[in-house]
Amino acid sequence: MHLVGIVNPFASSVTPRVRVALEQRLGEHHRVEFHETHRRHHATRLAHRAARDGADVVVAIGGDGTLNEVANGLLGTGTALAPIPGGSTNVFARAIGYPNDPTGAVDQLLRALRTPETTIRSMGVGLADDRAFLFHVGIGFDAAVVERVEQRGRLKRWAGHALFVESTIETWAASSSATFDLTRTDRPPATSSDDRAADAHIAIALNIDPYTFLGNRPLNLAPEATFDAPLSIVALHDLSARSLLQVVRSSVTSADGLPHGGSITHWSDVHGATVRAASAVPYQVDGDLVGRIDELRLGHEADALRLVFPTSATPTTRRRVTPSARPGRWRDGS
C-alpha cells in the first residue's frame, strides 16, 4: 500500500526518535512518505494532496487537533485515515481501540492493513458549520477550559491531564454568567418544548463516546453516540460545584451516561441543531480551540470518511432513527 504519514513535530509524544522508528516500521511493509506540519491547517492541505495523488492511507501522527485537520482533508475521498496517538489525550484513537503508545498503535495498524477488506470502513462525522469533527464539539465552559490550556501551550506538552484538571478548576472559579440557547432543527418547528434548551453554560455535541479520558478512565456522557448514528448533544444549565460533581460521577459510573431532565439536556439522534448566544462564547472542535461565536450550526454527515480500525475493534452499531426533516450538508454557502 501507499501510505502518507503526516506528523505534528510539536505533539507531546512525537520525538525525533519516535518519528524515525515509526517511519522505519511502516516502511518495512509499505511504500511510505512522511511530511511534517508547520502551521495551522497545514495538515488539511497535506492530506488533501495525498488523496489527490492516490495514497491508500494517510497516517496522522499527533494529537486530536492534527487528526481533525487530516480528516477534514480526506472527506469524501477514497483515501482512508489511520490515527497514531502522539498528543496528550488522544481521545479518538483510544476510543476506536488503538493503544495510547505510538509504537503499539503502529503494530496494531500494520495488522489491520493486512486485511483492509474488514478493517477499513466508512464512518459518519459531525459538522460544526463547515468544519467536520470526529468525536465532539464543545461550546461554552468546556471550550473556555481549552482556551485556558492553550494559553499555556508549552506546559501542556509536559503537564498533560494535570493541566486540564487545574484549568477546569480555574475556569470554574472565574466563570462568567454567559449562557446560550440550543434548538433542534431536524424536526418540524415547535414540535416539543424538549427541542429547545435555554440558558446553557456548556454543551457537547458528540459523534462518538467517550467525551474524554481522565488518565485511563473514560468519561461517558452519551454511550449511545456511535459511528453509524447521528449526533448526541448534552447540555448543562447549572455549573454549581454540586452539579458538576454529580455529572462527573455519573459519567464515570453509569452505563447510561447523563440523564435528560432537571439541569441537564440530553438529546440523541440529532441530525441538526443551532446554538445562539446573546454575547460570543468560545467553542472547540475535537479539543482544538476555534474561536468565539454567537451562532453555530451543528449537523451530521453519514459515511463521509474512510477509517482504518484496529483488528481488535468492533465498533458498536445501532438502528438509526430518521427524523421527519433532515438538513443537507453545508458546503459552499449552501
C-alpha atoms as a PDB file:
ATOM      1  CA  MET A   1       0.000   0.000   0.000  1.00  0.00           C
ATOM      2  CA  HIS A   2       0.963   3.629  -0.460  1.00  0.00           C
ATOM      3  CA  LEU A   3       0.984   5.326   2.950  1.00  0.00           C
ATOM      4  CA  VAL A   4       1.496   9.034   3.639  1.00  0.00           C
ATOM      5  CA  GLY A   5       2.437  10.000   7.188  1.00  0.00           C
ATOM      6  CA  ILE A   6       1.508  13.486   8.402  1.00  0.00           C
ATOM      7  CA  VAL A   7       3.408  14.356  11.566  1.00  0.00           C
ATOM      8  CA  ASN A   8       2.933  17.154  14.061  1.00  0.00           C
ATOM      9  CA  PRO A   9       6.532  17.592  15.315  1.00  0.00           C
ATOM     10  CA  PHE A  10       5.322  19.541  18.352  1.00  0.00           C
ATOM     11  CA  ALA A  11       2.957  16.841  19.656  1.00  0.00           C
ATOM     12  CA  SER A  12       3.860  15.744  23.171  1.00  0.00           C
ATOM     13  CA  SER A  13       4.801  12.127  22.316  1.00  0.00           C
ATOM     14  CA  VAL A  14       6.403  12.744  18.921  1.00  0.00           C
ATOM     15  CA  THR A  15      10.145  12.924  19.497  1.00  0.00           C
ATOM     16  CA  PRO A  16      12.601  12.658  16.564  1.00  0.00           C
ATOM     17  CA  ARG A  17      13.482   9.158  17.739  1.00  0.00           C
ATOM     18  CA  VAL A  18       9.831   8.081  17.793  1.00  0.00           C
ATOM     19  CA  ARG A  19       9.233   9.505  14.326  1.00  0.00           C
ATOM     20  CA  VAL A  20      12.198   7.643  12.824  1.00  0.00           C
ATOM     21  CA  ALA A  21      11.113   4.398  14.478  1.00  0.00           C
ATOM     22  CA  LEU A  22       7.547   4.739  13.154  1.00  0.00           C
ATOM     23  CA  GLU A  23       8.699   5.559   9.640  1.00  0.00           C
ATOM     24  CA  GLN A  24      11.054   2.577   9.576  1.00  0.00           C
ATOM     25  CA  ARG A  25       8.420   0.213  10.948  1.00  0.00           C
ATOM     26  CA  LEU A  26       5.782   1.259   8.417  1.00  0.00           C
ATOM     27  CA  GLY A  27       8.334   1.243   5.608  1.00  0.00           C
ATOM     28  CA  GLU A  28       9.154  -2.423   6.164  1.00  0.00           C
ATOM     29  CA  HIS A  29       5.845  -3.435   4.607  1.00  0.00           C
ATOM     30  CA  HIS A  30       4.548  -0.452   2.621  1.00  0.00           C
ATOM     31  CA  ARG A  31       5.642   2.438   0.425  1.00  0.00           C
ATOM     32  CA  VAL A  32       5.821   5.353   2.832  1.00  0.00           C
ATOM     33  CA  GLU A  33       6.460   9.085   2.682  1.00  0.00           C
ATOM     34  CA  PHE A  34       6.356  11.410   5.691  1.00  0.00           C
ATOM     35  CA  HIS A  35       5.540  15.128   5.881  1.00  0.00           C
ATOM     36  CA  GLU A  36       5.692  17.492   8.869  1.00  0.00           C
ATOM     37  CA  THR A  37       3.126  20.181   9.617  1.00  0.00           C
ATOM     38  CA  HIS A  38       4.398  23.735  10.092  1.00  0.00           C
ATOM     39  CA  ARG A  39       1.315  25.849  10.720  1.00  0.00           C
ATOM     40  CA  ARG A  40      -2.402  25.747  11.424  1.00  0.00           C
ATOM     41  CA  HIS A  41      -4.451  23.858   8.777  1.00  0.00           C
ATOM     42  CA  HIS A  42      -1.274  22.631   7.075  1.00  0.00           C
ATOM     43  CA  ALA A  43      -2.284  19.027   7.823  1.00  0.00           C
ATOM     44  CA  THR A  44      -5.567  19.513   5.941  1.00  0.00           C
ATOM     45  CA  ARG A  45      -3.742  20.643   2.810  1.00  0.00           C
ATOM     46  CA  LEU A  46      -1.209  17.821   3.066  1.00  0.00           C
ATOM     47  CA  ALA A  47      -3.985  15.241   3.457  1.00  0.00           C
ATOM     48  CA  HIS A  48      -5.944  16.631   0.516  1.00  0.00           C
ATOM     49  CA  ARG A  49      -2.840  16.486  -1.673  1.00  0.00           C
ATOM     50  CA  ALA A  50      -2.123  12.898  -0.566  1.00  0.00           C
ATOM     51  CA  ALA A  51      -5.646  11.832  -1.522  1.00  0.00           C
ATOM     52  CA  ARG A  52      -5.392  13.633  -4.860  1.00  0.00           C
ATOM     53  CA  ASP A  53      -2.101  11.823  -5.547  1.00  0.00           C
ATOM     54  CA  GLY A  54      -3.674   8.426  -4.905  1.00  0.00           C
ATOM     55  CA  ALA A  55      -2.491   7.499  -1.399  1.00  0.00           C
ATOM     56  CA  ASP A  56      -4.299   4.490   0.039  1.00  0.00           C
ATOM     57  CA  VAL A  57      -3.972   5.564   3.676  1.00  0.00           C
ATOM     58  CA  VAL A  58      -2.939   8.780   5.422  1.00  0.00           C
ATOM     59  CA  VAL A  59      -1.414   8.119   8.839  1.00  0.00           C
ATOM     60  CA  ALA A  60      -1.972  11.065  11.194  1.00  0.00           C
ATOM     61  CA  ILE A  61       0.715  11.173  13.890  1.00  0.00           C
ATOM     62  CA  GLY A  62      -0.095  13.722  16.560  1.00  0.00           C
ATOM     63  CA  GLY A  63      -2.890  14.736  18.882  1.00  0.00           C
ATOM     64  CA  ASP A  64      -6.604  15.103  18.250  1.00  0.00           C
ATOM     65  CA  GLY A  65      -6.158  18.525  16.633  1.00  0.00           C
ATOM     66  CA  THR A  66      -3.809  17.114  13.993  1.00  0.00           C
ATOM     67  CA  LEU A  67      -6.180  14.200  13.432  1.00  0.00           C
ATOM     68  CA  ASN A  68      -9.107  16.571  12.903  1.00  0.00           C
ATOM     69  CA  GLU A  69      -7.194  18.577  10.300  1.00  0.00           C
ATOM     70  CA  VAL A  70      -6.204  15.421   8.401  1.00  0.00           C
ATOM     71  CA  ALA A  71      -9.790  14.140   8.475  1.00  0.00           C
ATOM     72  CA  ASN A  72     -11.057  17.405   7.001  1.00  0.00           C
ATOM     73  CA  GLY A  73      -8.626  16.953   4.115  1.00  0.00           C
ATOM     74  CA  LEU A  74      -9.859  13.408   3.392  1.00  0.00           C
ATOM     75  CA  LEU A  75     -13.640  13.863   3.498  1.00  0.00           C
ATOM     76  CA  GLY A  76     -15.395  12.305   0.532  1.00  0.00           C
ATOM     77  CA  THR A  77     -12.238  10.729  -0.888  1.00  0.00           C
ATOM     78  CA  GLY A  78     -11.286   7.077  -1.214  1.00  0.00           C
ATOM     79  CA  THR A  79      -8.213   7.552   0.980  1.00  0.00           C
ATOM     80  CA  ALA A  80      -8.500   6.122   4.476  1.00  0.00           C
ATOM     81  CA  LEU A  81      -7.407   7.744   7.724  1.00  0.00           C
ATOM     82  CA  ALA A  82      -5.293   5.931  10.340  1.00  0.00           C
ATOM     83  CA  PRO A  83      -4.611   7.624  13.710  1.00  0.00           C
ATOM     84  CA  ILE A  84      -1.351   7.168  15.606  1.00  0.00           C
ATOM     85  CA  PRO A  85      -1.635   8.855  19.024  1.00  0.00           C
ATOM     86  CA  GLY A  86       1.020  11.475  19.703  1.00  0.00           C
ATOM     87  CA  GLY A  87      -0.781  14.066  21.819  1.00  0.00           C
ATOM     88  CA  SER A  88      -1.574  14.423  25.497  1.00  0.00           C
ATOM     89  CA  THR A  89      -5.051  12.828  25.458  1.00  0.00           C
ATOM     90  CA  ASN A  90      -5.677  11.129  22.074  1.00  0.00           C
ATOM     91  CA  VAL A  91      -9.406  10.694  22.621  1.00  0.00           C
ATOM     92  CA  PHE A  92     -10.319   9.498  19.136  1.00  0.00           C
ATOM     93  CA  ALA A  93      -7.563   6.918  18.624  1.00  0.00           C
ATOM     94  CA  ARG A  94      -8.208   5.400  22.043  1.00  0.00           C
ATOM     95  CA  ALA A  95     -11.977   5.444  21.551  1.00  0.00           C
ATOM     96  CA  ILE A  96     -11.742   3.257  18.451  1.00  0.00           C
ATOM     97  CA  GLY A  97      -9.343   0.810  20.083  1.00  0.00           C
ATOM     98  CA  TYR A  98      -5.770   1.903  19.370  1.00  0.00           C
ATOM     99  CA  PRO A  99      -3.335   1.816  22.324  1.00  0.00           C
ATOM    100  CA  ASN A 100      -2.106   5.152  23.642  1.00  0.00           C
ATOM    101  CA  ASP A 101       1.518   4.224  22.906  1.00  0.00           C
ATOM    102  CA  PRO A 102       2.608   5.228  19.356  1.00  0.00           C
ATOM    103  CA  THR A 103       4.711   2.102  18.836  1.00  0.00           C
ATOM    104  CA  GLY A 104       1.918  -0.203  19.944  1.00  0.00           C
ATOM    105  CA  ALA A 105      -0.538   1.712  17.756  1.00  0.00           C
ATOM    106  CA  VAL A 106       1.683   1.222  14.681  1.00  0.00           C
ATOM    107  CA  ASP A 107       1.823  -2.512  15.356  1.00  0.00           C
ATOM    108  CA  GLN A 108      -2.000  -2.541  15.513  1.00  0.00           C
ATOM    109  CA  LEU A 109      -2.171  -0.550  12.301  1.00  0.00           C
ATOM    110  CA  LEU A 110       0.134  -2.923  10.432  1.00  0.00           C
ATOM    111  CA  ARG A 111      -2.015  -5.877  11.496  1.00  0.00           C
ATOM    112  CA  ALA A 112      -5.139  -4.041  10.349  1.00  0.00           C
ATOM    113  CA  LEU A 113      -3.641  -3.266   6.935  1.00  0.00           C
ATOM    114  CA  ARG A 114      -3.181  -6.981   6.263  1.00  0.00           C
ATOM    115  CA  THR A 115      -6.963  -7.338   5.989  1.00  0.00           C
ATOM    116  CA  PRO A 116      -8.188  -3.974   4.642  1.00  0.00           C
ATOM    117  CA  GLU A 117     -11.422  -5.508   3.385  1.00  0.00           C
ATOM    118  CA  THR A 118     -12.559  -5.913   7.004  1.00  0.00           C
ATOM    119  CA  THR A 119     -10.689  -3.142   8.852  1.00  0.00           C
ATOM    120  CA  ILE A 120     -11.205  -0.152   6.524  1.00  0.00           C
ATOM    121  CA  ARG A 121     -14.785   1.051   6.930  1.00  0.00           C
ATOM    122  CA  SER A 122     -16.788   4.224   6.486  1.00  0.00           C
ATOM    123  CA  MET A 123     -17.867   6.387   9.400  1.00  0.00           C
ATOM    124  CA  GLY A 124     -20.044   9.423   9.859  1.00  0.00           C
ATOM    125  CA  VAL A 125     -18.714  12.791  11.015  1.00  0.00           C
ATOM    126  CA  GLY A 126     -20.230  15.712  12.809  1.00  0.00           C
ATOM    127  CA  LEU A 127     -20.336  19.192  11.296  1.00  0.00           C
ATOM    128  CA  ALA A 128     -19.785  22.492  13.085  1.00  0.00           C
ATOM    129  CA  ASP A 129     -20.729  24.944  10.358  1.00  0.00           C
ATOM    130  CA  ASP A 130     -18.400  23.764   7.560  1.00  0.00           C
ATOM    131  CA  ARG A 131     -15.806  22.034   9.723  1.00  0.00           C
ATOM    132  CA  ALA A 132     -16.070  18.294  10.331  1.00  0.00           C
ATOM    133  CA  PHE A 133     -15.422  16.797  13.746  1.00  0.00           C
ATOM    134  CA  LEU A 134     -14.635  13.217  14.661  1.00  0.00           C
ATOM    135  CA  PHE A 135     -15.682  12.951  18.284  1.00  0.00           C
ATOM    136  CA  HIS A 136     -17.065  16.175  19.719  1.00  0.00           C
ATOM    137  CA  VAL A 137     -17.638  19.916  19.705  1.00  0.00           C
ATOM    138  CA  GLY A 138     -17.674  21.812  22.993  1.00  0.00           C
ATOM    139  CA  ILE A 139     -19.365  25.173  23.494  1.00  0.00           C
ATOM    140  CA  GLY A 140     -19.124  27.500  26.486  1.00  0.00           C
ATOM    141  CA  PHE A 141     -17.422  26.364  29.682  1.00  0.00           C
ATOM    142  CA  ASP A 142     -15.801  23.335  28.040  1.00  0.00           C
ATOM    143  CA  ALA A 143     -14.146  25.488  25.373  1.00  0.00           C
ATOM    144  CA  ALA A 144     -13.125  28.087  27.963  1.00  0.00           C
ATOM    145  CA  VAL A 145     -11.115  25.344  29.687  1.00  0.00           C
ATOM    146  CA  VAL A 146      -9.401  24.501  26.394  1.00  0.00           C
ATOM    147  CA  GLU A 147      -8.750  28.203  25.847  1.00  0.00           C
ATOM    148  CA  ARG A 148      -7.026  28.444  29.226  1.00  0.00           C
ATOM    149  CA  VAL A 149      -4.932  25.332  28.483  1.00  0.00           C
ATOM    150  CA  GLU A 150      -3.859  26.711  25.094  1.00  0.00           C
ATOM    151  CA  GLN A 151      -2.629  29.883  26.777  1.00  0.00           C
ATOM    152  CA  ARG A 152      -0.036  27.662  28.449  1.00  0.00           C
ATOM    153  CA  GLY A 153       0.764  25.579  25.390  1.00  0.00           C
ATOM    154  CA  ARG A 154       4.372  24.789  26.326  1.00  0.00           C
ATOM    155  CA  LEU A 155       3.303  23.470  29.717  1.00  0.00           C
ATOM    156  CA  LYS A 156       0.631  21.315  28.048  1.00  0.00           C
ATOM    157  CA  ARG A 157       3.322  19.161  26.423  1.00  0.00           C
ATOM    158  CA  TRP A 158       4.640  18.112  29.836  1.00  0.00           C
ATOM    159  CA  ALA A 159       1.764  18.501  32.298  1.00  0.00           C
ATOM    160  CA  GLY A 160      -0.903  16.659  30.284  1.00  0.00           C
ATOM    161  CA  HIS A 161      -4.040  15.746  32.241  1.00  0.00           C
ATOM    162  CA  ALA A 162      -2.948  17.605  35.374  1.00  0.00           C
ATOM    163  CA  LEU A 163      -3.018  20.866  33.420  1.00  0.00           C
ATOM    164  CA  PHE A 164      -6.561  20.171  32.174  1.00  0.00           C
ATOM    165  CA  VAL A 165      -7.792  19.459  35.704  1.00  0.00           C
ATOM    166  CA  GLU A 166      -6.132  22.606  37.042  1.00  0.00           C
ATOM    167  CA  SER A 167      -7.514  24.685  34.160  1.00  0.00           C
ATOM    168  CA  THR A 168     -11.018  23.304  34.749  1.00  0.00           C
ATOM    169  CA  ILE A 169     -10.926  24.388  38.387  1.00  0.00           C
ATOM    170  CA  GLU A 170      -9.526  27.818  37.493  1.00  0.00           C
ATOM    171  CA  THR A 171     -12.121  28.343  34.745  1.00  0.00           C
ATOM    172  CA  TRP A 172     -14.944  27.331  37.068  1.00  0.00           C
ATOM    173  CA  ALA A 173     -13.723  29.718  39.770  1.00  0.00           C
ATOM    174  CA  ALA A 174     -13.538  32.591  37.267  1.00  0.00           C
ATOM    175  CA  SER A 175     -16.555  31.638  35.140  1.00  0.00           C
ATOM    176  CA  SER A 176     -18.933  34.360  33.992  1.00  0.00           C
ATOM    177  CA  SER A 177     -22.690  34.127  33.639  1.00  0.00           C
ATOM    178  CA  ALA A 178     -22.592  33.913  29.824  1.00  0.00           C
ATOM    179  CA  THR A 179     -25.134  31.406  28.540  1.00  0.00           C
ATOM    180  CA  PHE A 180     -26.598  30.342  25.195  1.00  0.00           C
ATOM    181  CA  ASP A 181     -29.634  28.580  23.748  1.00  0.00           C
ATOM    182  CA  LEU A 182     -29.883  25.384  21.688  1.00  0.00           C
ATOM    183  CA  THR A 183     -32.629  24.439  19.240  1.00  0.00           C
ATOM    184  CA  ARG A 184     -33.070  21.219  17.300  1.00  0.00           C
ATOM    185  CA  THR A 185     -33.545  21.950  13.585  1.00  0.00           C
ATOM    186  CA  ASP A 186     -34.065  18.397  12.308  1.00  0.00           C
ATOM    187  CA  ARG A 187     -37.760  18.254  13.191  1.00  0.00           C
ATOM    188  CA  PRO A 188     -40.755  20.460  12.360  1.00  0.00           C
ATOM    189  CA  PRO A 189     -40.773  23.717  14.359  1.00  0.00           C
ATOM    190  CA  ALA A 190     -42.353  23.761  17.794  1.00  0.00           C
ATOM    191  CA  THR A 191     -42.998  20.016  17.908  1.00  0.00           C
ATOM    192  CA  SER A 192     -41.997  19.913  21.559  1.00  0.00           C
ATOM    193  CA  SER A 193     -40.505  22.078  24.252  1.00  0.00           C
ATOM    194  CA  ASP A 194     -37.865  19.336  24.532  1.00  0.00           C
ATOM    195  CA  ASP A 195     -36.492  20.546  21.179  1.00  0.00           C
ATOM    196  CA  ARG A 196     -35.312  23.778  22.806  1.00  0.00           C
ATOM    197  CA  ALA A 197     -32.831  24.263  25.630  1.00  0.00           C
ATOM    198  CA  ALA A 198     -32.317  27.742  27.077  1.00  0.00           C
ATOM    199  CA  ASP A 199     -29.578  29.221  29.261  1.00  0.00           C
ATOM    200  CA  ALA A 200     -26.945  26.515  28.846  1.00  0.00           C
ATOM    201  CA  HIS A 201     -23.474  27.069  30.291  1.00  0.00           C
ATOM    202  CA  ILE A 202     -21.900  24.177  28.410  1.00  0.00           C
ATOM    203  CA  ALA A 203     -22.961  21.967  25.504  1.00  0.00           C
ATOM    204  CA  ILE A 204     -21.179  18.982  23.988  1.00  0.00           C
ATOM    205  CA  ALA A 205     -22.178  17.566  20.597  1.00  0.00           C
ATOM    206  CA  LEU A 206     -20.825  14.020  20.392  1.00  0.00           C
ATOM    207  CA  ASN A 207     -20.169  11.914  17.316  1.00  0.00           C
ATOM    208  CA  ILE A 208     -18.795   9.054  19.439  1.00  0.00           C
ATOM    209  CA  ASP A 209     -18.413   8.277  23.131  1.00  0.00           C
ATOM    210  CA  PRO A 210     -16.470   8.809  25.412  1.00  0.00           C
ATOM    211  CA  TYR A 211     -16.244  12.569  25.745  1.00  0.00           C
ATOM    212  CA  THR A 212     -12.652  12.391  27.026  1.00  0.00           C
ATOM    213  CA  PHE A 213     -10.326  10.409  29.262  1.00  0.00           C
ATOM    214  CA  LEU A 214      -9.002  11.197  32.719  1.00  0.00           C
ATOM    215  CA  GLY A 215      -5.883   9.068  32.646  1.00  0.00           C
ATOM    216  CA  ASN A 216      -7.177   5.654  31.639  1.00  0.00           C
ATOM    217  CA  ARG A 217     -10.723   6.324  32.801  1.00  0.00           C
ATOM    218  CA  PRO A 218     -13.254   7.349  30.126  1.00  0.00           C
ATOM    219  CA  LEU A 219     -15.926   9.983  30.803  1.00  0.00           C
ATOM    220  CA  ASN A 220     -19.107   8.657  29.188  1.00  0.00           C
ATOM    221  CA  LEU A 221     -21.667  11.404  28.644  1.00  0.00           C
ATOM    222  CA  ALA A 222     -23.676   9.700  25.888  1.00  0.00           C
ATOM    223  CA  PRO A 223     -22.863   5.992  25.365  1.00  0.00           C
ATOM    224  CA  GLU A 224     -25.413   5.810  22.539  1.00  0.00           C
ATOM    225  CA  ALA A 225     -23.199   8.035  20.348  1.00  0.00           C
ATOM    226  CA  THR A 226     -21.700   5.727  17.696  1.00  0.00           C
ATOM    227  CA  PHE A 227     -20.190   5.914  14.207  1.00  0.00           C
ATOM    228  CA  ASP A 228     -23.366   4.842  12.416  1.00  0.00           C
ATOM    229  CA  ALA A 229     -25.753   7.128  14.326  1.00  0.00           C
ATOM    230  CA  PRO A 230     -26.436  10.875  14.221  1.00  0.00           C
ATOM    231  CA  LEU A 231     -25.149  13.157  16.975  1.00  0.00           C
ATOM    232  CA  SER A 232     -25.908  13.193  20.660  1.00  0.00           C
ATOM    233  CA  ILE A 233     -25.974  16.569  22.428  1.00  0.00           C
ATOM    234  CA  VAL A 234     -25.565  17.070  26.161  1.00  0.00           C
ATOM    235  CA  ALA A 235     -26.002  20.492  27.785  1.00  0.00           C
ATOM    236  CA  LEU A 236     -25.641  21.626  31.388  1.00  0.00           C
ATOM    237  CA  HIS A 237     -27.698  24.511  32.772  1.00  0.00           C
ATOM    238  CA  ASP A 238     -26.105  24.569  36.234  1.00  0.00           C
ATOM    239  CA  LEU A 239     -22.385  24.918  36.932  1.00  0.00           C
ATOM    240  CA  SER A 240     -22.560  24.700  40.702  1.00  0.00           C
ATOM    241  CA  ALA A 241     -19.916  22.524  42.335  1.00  0.00           C
ATOM    242  CA  ARG A 242     -22.566  20.025  43.420  1.00  0.00           C
ATOM    243  CA  SER A 243     -23.990  19.745  39.913  1.00  0.00           C
ATOM    244  CA  LEU A 244     -20.578  19.305  38.285  1.00  0.00           C
ATOM    245  CA  LEU A 245     -19.539  16.623  40.766  1.00  0.00           C
ATOM    246  CA  GLN A 246     -22.769  14.729  40.062  1.00  0.00           C
ATOM    247  CA  VAL A 247     -22.099  14.938  36.331  1.00  0.00           C
ATOM    248  CA  VAL A 248     -18.547  13.618  36.707  1.00  0.00           C
ATOM    249  CA  ARG A 249     -19.698  10.794  38.983  1.00  0.00           C
ATOM    250  CA  SER A 250     -22.473   9.788  36.596  1.00  0.00           C
ATOM    251  CA  SER A 251     -20.179   9.902  33.547  1.00  0.00           C
ATOM    252  CA  VAL A 252     -17.660   7.636  35.281  1.00  0.00           C
ATOM    253  CA  THR A 253     -20.000   5.128  36.909  1.00  0.00           C
ATOM    254  CA  SER A 254     -23.174   4.966  34.816  1.00  0.00           C
ATOM    255  CA  ALA A 255     -23.572   2.845  31.679  1.00  0.00           C
ATOM    256  CA  ASP A 256     -26.358   5.193  30.515  1.00  0.00           C
ATOM    257  CA  GLY A 257     -24.447   8.474  30.532  1.00  0.00           C
ATOM    258  CA  LEU A 258     -26.127  11.667  31.707  1.00  0.00           C
ATOM    259  CA  PRO A 259     -29.892  11.618  32.247  1.00  0.00           C
ATOM    260  CA  HIS A 260     -32.265  14.031  30.497  1.00  0.00           C
ATOM    261  CA  GLY A 261     -34.142  16.352  32.789  1.00  0.00           C
ATOM    262  CA  GLY A 262     -33.626  18.917  35.523  1.00  0.00           C
ATOM    263  CA  SER A 263     -30.460  20.891  34.833  1.00  0.00           C
ATOM    264  CA  ILE A 264     -29.335  18.503  32.049  1.00  0.00           C
ATOM    265  CA  THR A 265     -30.451  18.359  28.414  1.00  0.00           C
ATOM    266  CA  HIS A 266     -29.607  15.096  26.642  1.00  0.00           C
ATOM    267  CA  TRP A 267     -30.695  14.674  23.015  1.00  0.00           C
ATOM    268  CA  SER A 268     -29.987  11.638  20.828  1.00  0.00           C
ATOM    269  CA  ASP A 269     -30.253  11.037  17.062  1.00  0.00           C
ATOM    270  CA  VAL A 270     -29.694  14.704  16.239  1.00  0.00           C
ATOM    271  CA  HIS A 271     -29.234  15.486  12.536  1.00  0.00           C
ATOM    272  CA  GLY A 272     -29.242  19.248  13.049  1.00  0.00           C
ATOM    273  CA  ALA A 273     -29.200  21.868  15.808  1.00  0.00           C
ATOM    274  CA  THR A 274     -28.383  25.553  16.214  1.00  0.00           C
ATOM    275  CA  VAL A 275     -26.561  27.316  19.039  1.00  0.00           C
ATOM    276  CA  ARG A 276     -27.341  31.004  19.616  1.00  0.00           C
ATOM    277  CA  ALA A 277     -25.785  33.296  22.208  1.00  0.00           C
ATOM    278  CA  ALA A 278     -26.516  36.909  23.135  1.00  0.00           C
ATOM    279  CA  SER A 279     -22.773  37.504  23.515  1.00  0.00           C
ATOM    280  CA  ALA A 280     -20.000  35.499  21.880  1.00  0.00           C
ATOM    281  CA  VAL A 281     -18.994  32.270  23.606  1.00  0.00           C
ATOM    282  CA  PRO A 282     -15.914  30.116  22.908  1.00  0.00           C
ATOM    283  CA  TYR A 283     -16.114  26.772  21.127  1.00  0.00           C
ATOM    284  CA  GLN A 284     -13.669  23.969  20.416  1.00  0.00           C
ATOM    285  CA  VAL A 285     -13.657  21.208  17.805  1.00  0.00           C
ATOM    286  CA  ASP A 286     -12.076  17.852  18.721  1.00  0.00           C
ATOM    287  CA  GLY A 287     -10.147  19.559  21.503  1.00  0.00           C
ATOM    288  CA  ASP A 288      -8.858  22.368  19.268  1.00  0.00           C
ATOM    289  CA  LEU A 289      -9.969  25.882  20.197  1.00  0.00           C
ATOM    290  CA  VAL A 290     -11.531  27.560  17.149  1.00  0.00           C
ATOM    291  CA  GLY A 291     -12.742  30.909  18.441  1.00  0.00           C
ATOM    292  CA  ARG A 292     -15.932  32.587  19.635  1.00  0.00           C
ATOM    293  CA  ILE A 293     -19.381  32.516  18.080  1.00  0.00           C
ATOM    294  CA  ASP A 294     -22.819  33.946  18.634  1.00  0.00           C
ATOM    295  CA  GLU A 295     -24.349  31.324  16.311  1.00  0.00           C
ATOM    296  CA  LEU A 296     -23.218  27.834  15.309  1.00  0.00           C
ATOM    297  CA  ARG A 297     -24.933  25.179  13.196  1.00  0.00           C
ATOM    298  CA  LEU A 298     -24.397  21.538  14.109  1.00  0.00           C
ATOM    299  CA  GLY A 299     -25.089  18.620  11.767  1.00  0.00           C
ATOM    300  CA  HIS A 300     -24.123  15.100  10.787  1.00  0.00           C
ATOM    301  CA  GLU A 301     -22.777  13.602   7.547  1.00  0.00           C
ATOM    302  CA  ALA A 302     -23.096   9.818   7.211  1.00  0.00           C
ATOM    303  CA  ASP A 303     -20.341   7.702   5.602  1.00  0.00           C
ATOM    304  CA  ALA A 304     -18.157  10.751   4.967  1.00  0.00           C
ATOM    305  CA  LEU A 305     -14.774   9.296   5.906  1.00  0.00           C
ATOM    306  CA  ARG A 306     -12.941   6.004   5.481  1.00  0.00           C
ATOM    307  CA  LEU A 307     -11.140   4.879   8.624  1.00  0.00           C
ATOM    308  CA  VAL A 308      -8.673   2.107   9.460  1.00  0.00           C
ATOM    309  CA  PHE A 309      -9.947   0.363  12.585  1.00  0.00           C
ATOM    310  CA  PRO A 310      -7.595  -1.809  14.637  1.00  0.00           C
ATOM    311  CA  THR A 311      -8.246  -5.535  14.280  1.00  0.00           C
ATOM    312  CA  SER A 312      -9.335  -5.722  17.931  1.00  0.00           C
ATOM    313  CA  ALA A 313     -12.063  -3.114  17.457  1.00  0.00           C
ATOM    314  CA  THR A 314     -15.695  -3.949  16.910  1.00  0.00           C
ATOM    315  CA  PRO A 315     -17.464  -0.588  16.558  1.00  0.00           C
ATOM    316  CA  THR A 316     -20.892  -0.540  18.153  1.00  0.00           C
ATOM    317  CA  THR A 317     -23.743  -0.232  15.703  1.00  0.00           C
ATOM    318  CA  ARG A 318     -27.378   0.529  16.291  1.00  0.00           C
ATOM    319  CA  ARG A 319     -30.504   1.299  14.349  1.00  0.00           C
ATOM    320  CA  ARG A 320     -30.782   4.840  13.058  1.00  0.00           C
ATOM    321  CA  VAL A 321     -33.787   6.928  13.963  1.00  0.00           C
ATOM    322  CA  THR A 322     -34.659   9.105  10.979  1.00  0.00           C
ATOM    323  CA  PRO A 323     -36.325  12.438  11.841  1.00  0.00           C
ATOM    324  CA  SER A 324     -39.075  13.702   9.595  1.00  0.00           C
ATOM    325  CA  ALA A 325     -36.908  16.559   8.315  1.00  0.00           C
ATOM    326  CA  ARG A 326     -33.192  16.192   7.767  1.00  0.00           C
ATOM    327  CA  PRO A 327     -30.985  19.137   6.778  1.00  0.00           C
ATOM    328  CA  GLY A 328     -28.451  18.846   3.982  1.00  0.00           C
ATOM    329  CA  ARG A 329     -24.744  19.419   4.249  1.00  0.00           C
ATOM    330  CA  TRP A 330     -23.471  22.982   4.454  1.00  0.00           C
ATOM    331  CA  ARG A 331     -20.819  23.459   1.782  1.00  0.00           C
ATOM    332  CA  ASP A 332     -20.002  26.373  -0.466  1.00  0.00           C
ATOM    333  CA  GLY A 333     -22.565  28.544   1.225  1.00  0.00           C
ATOM    334  CA  SER A 334     -25.488  26.186   0.577  1.00  0.00           C
END
